[in-house]
Amino acid sequence: MTAASTSQGNRRAGPRRSPAAGERQRDAERSRQALLTAALDEFSLKGFAGARVAEIAERAGVSGPALFPGDP
């Protein structure tokens, strides 16, 4: 095993490929479901006024900007 292969773990060397359209759609649906579940949990625990977007995103495992895809 070379130093380069150990620093990257088990990942393949070379350029990263873009996901196919179907893979992107599945990821988007998975993120959407995770966000809906996280939001329901946050609203149930803290109420509408007490829930925070950052906490919902963290609970769902997505970045904050993922919640607002149209914002620059």
C-alpha atoms as a PDB file:
ATOM      1  CA  MET A   1       0.000   0.000   0.000  1.00  0.00           C
ATOM      2  CA  THR A   2       1.377   3.389  -0.944  1.00  0.00           C
ATOM      3  CA  ALA A   3       1.272   6.576   1.104  1.00  0.00           C
ATOM      4  CA  ALA A   4      -1.211   8.086  -1.364  1.00  0.00           C
ATOM      5  CA  SER A   5      -3.610   5.167  -1.051  1.00  0.00           C
ATOM      6  CA  THR A   6      -3.507   5.186   2.748  1.00  0.00           C
ATOM      7  CA  SER A   7      -4.180   8.916   2.990  1.00  0.00           C
ATOM      8  CA  GLN A   8      -7.316   8.516   0.862  1.00  0.00           C
ATOM      9  CA  GLY A   9      -8.528   5.372   2.578  1.00  0.00           C
ATOM     10  CA  ASN A  10     -10.494   3.029   0.347  1.00  0.00           C
ATOM     11  CA  ARG A  11     -11.594   5.728  -2.105  1.00  0.00           C
ATOM     12  CA  ARG A  12     -10.701   5.395  -5.754  1.00  0.00           C
ATOM     13  CA  ALA A  13      -8.059   7.721  -7.051  1.00  0.00           C
ATOM     14  CA  GLY A  14      -8.960  10.009  -9.912  1.00  0.00           C
ATOM     15  CA  PRO A  15     -11.578  12.603 -10.651  1.00  0.00           C
ATOM     16  CA  ARG A  16     -14.847  12.489  -8.785  1.00  0.00           C
ATOM     17  CA  ARG A  17     -17.768  11.585 -10.993  1.00  0.00           C
ATOM     18  CA  SER A  18     -21.048  13.451 -10.917  1.00  0.00           C
ATOM     19  CA  PRO A  19     -24.043  11.417  -9.810  1.00  0.00           C
ATOM     20  CA  ALA A  20     -26.451  10.325 -12.507  1.00  0.00           C
ATOM     21  CA  ALA A  21     -29.796  12.135 -12.709  1.00  0.00           C
ATOM     22  CA  GLY A  22     -31.594   9.249 -10.993  1.00  0.00           C
ATOM     23  CA  GLU A  23     -29.075   9.241  -8.142  1.00  0.00           C
ATOM     24  CA  ARG A  24     -29.526  12.983  -7.624  1.00  0.00           C
ATOM     25  CA  GLN A  25     -33.297  12.535  -7.509  1.00  0.00           C
ATOM     26  CA  ARG A  26     -33.016   9.787  -4.869  1.00  0.00           C
ATOM     27  CA  ASP A  27     -30.657  11.941  -2.807  1.00  0.00           C
ATOM     28  CA  ALA A  28     -33.031  14.892  -3.060  1.00  0.00           C
ATOM     29  CA  GLU A  29     -35.974  12.767  -1.945  1.00  0.00           C
ATOM     30  CA  ARG A  30     -33.942  11.308   0.916  1.00  0.00           C
ATOM     31  CA  SER A  31     -32.944  14.825   2.047  1.00  0.00           C
ATOM     32  CA  ARG A  32     -36.532  16.028   1.743  1.00  0.00           C
ATOM     33  CA  GLN A  33     -37.803  13.181   3.909  1.00  0.00           C
ATOM     34  CA  ALA A  34     -35.037  13.725   6.473  1.00  0.00           C
ATOM     35  CA  LEU A  35     -35.890  17.439   6.647  1.00  0.00           C
ATOM     36  CA  LEU A  36     -39.606  16.799   7.062  1.00  0.00           C
ATOM     37  CA  THR A  37     -38.976  14.290   9.835  1.00  0.00           C
ATOM     38  CA  ALA A  38     -36.487  16.595  11.568  1.00  0.00           C
ATOM     39  CA  ALA A  39     -38.859  19.559  11.319  1.00  0.00           C
ATOM     40  CA  LEU A  40     -41.722  17.541  12.778  1.00  0.00           C
ATOM     41  CA  ASP A  41     -39.487  16.442  15.660  1.00  0.00           C
ATOM     42  CA  GLU A  42     -38.270  20.003  16.332  1.00  0.00           C
ATOM     43  CA  PHE A  43     -41.776  21.479  16.173  1.00  0.00           C
ATOM     44  CA  SER A  44     -43.085  18.731  18.464  1.00  0.00           C
ATOM     45  CA  LEU A  45     -40.342  19.369  21.028  1.00  0.00           C
ATOM     46  CA  LYS A  46     -40.060  23.160  20.883  1.00  0.00           C
ATOM     47  CA  GLY A  47     -43.183  24.451  19.187  1.00  0.00           C
ATOM     48  CA  PHE A  48     -43.295  26.512  16.034  1.00  0.00           C
ATOM     49  CA  ALA A  49     -41.845  29.618  17.691  1.00  0.00           C
ATOM     50  CA  GLY A  50     -39.021  27.701  19.397  1.00  0.00           C
ATOM     51  CA  ALA A  51     -37.799  25.626  16.443  1.00  0.00           C
ATOM     52  CA  ARG A  52     -34.703  26.897  14.628  1.00  0.00           C
ATOM     53  CA  VAL A  53     -33.766  26.226  11.007  1.00  0.00           C
ATOM     54  CA  ALA A  54     -30.140  25.447  11.943  1.00  0.00           C
ATOM     55  CA  GLU A  55     -31.282  22.809  14.427  1.00  0.00           C
ATOM     56  CA  ILE A  56     -33.623  21.236  11.884  1.00  0.00           C
ATOM     57  CA  ALA A  57     -30.814  21.083   9.320  1.00  0.00           C
ATOM     58  CA  GLU A  58     -28.409  19.580  11.858  1.00  0.00           C
ATOM     59  CA  ARG A  59     -30.966  16.993  12.959  1.00  0.00           C
ATOM     60  CA  ALA A  60     -31.597  16.076   9.302  1.00  0.00           C
ATOM     61  CA  GLY A  61     -27.880  15.868   8.517  1.00  0.00           C
ATOM     62  CA  VAL A  62     -27.933  18.503   5.773  1.00  0.00           C
ATOM     63  CA  SER A  63     -26.238  21.869   5.430  1.00  0.00           C
ATOM     64  CA  GLY A  64     -28.186  25.037   6.108  1.00  0.00           C
ATOM     65  CA  PRO A  65     -27.913  26.237   2.494  1.00  0.00           C
ATOM     66  CA  ALA A  66     -29.629  23.017   1.378  1.00  0.00           C
ATOM     67  CA  LEU A  67     -32.801  24.418   2.903  1.00  0.00           C
ATOM     68  CA  PHE A  68     -32.702  27.485   0.670  1.00  0.00           C
ATOM     69  CA  PRO A  69     -31.498  26.299  -2.751  1.00  0.00           C
ATOM     70  CA  GLY A  70     -32.598  29.476  -4.552  1.00  0.00           C
ATOM     71  CA  ASP A  71     -30.557  31.817  -2.368  1.00  0.00           C
ATOM     72  CA  PRO A  72     -27.113  32.863  -3.634  1.00  0.00           C
END
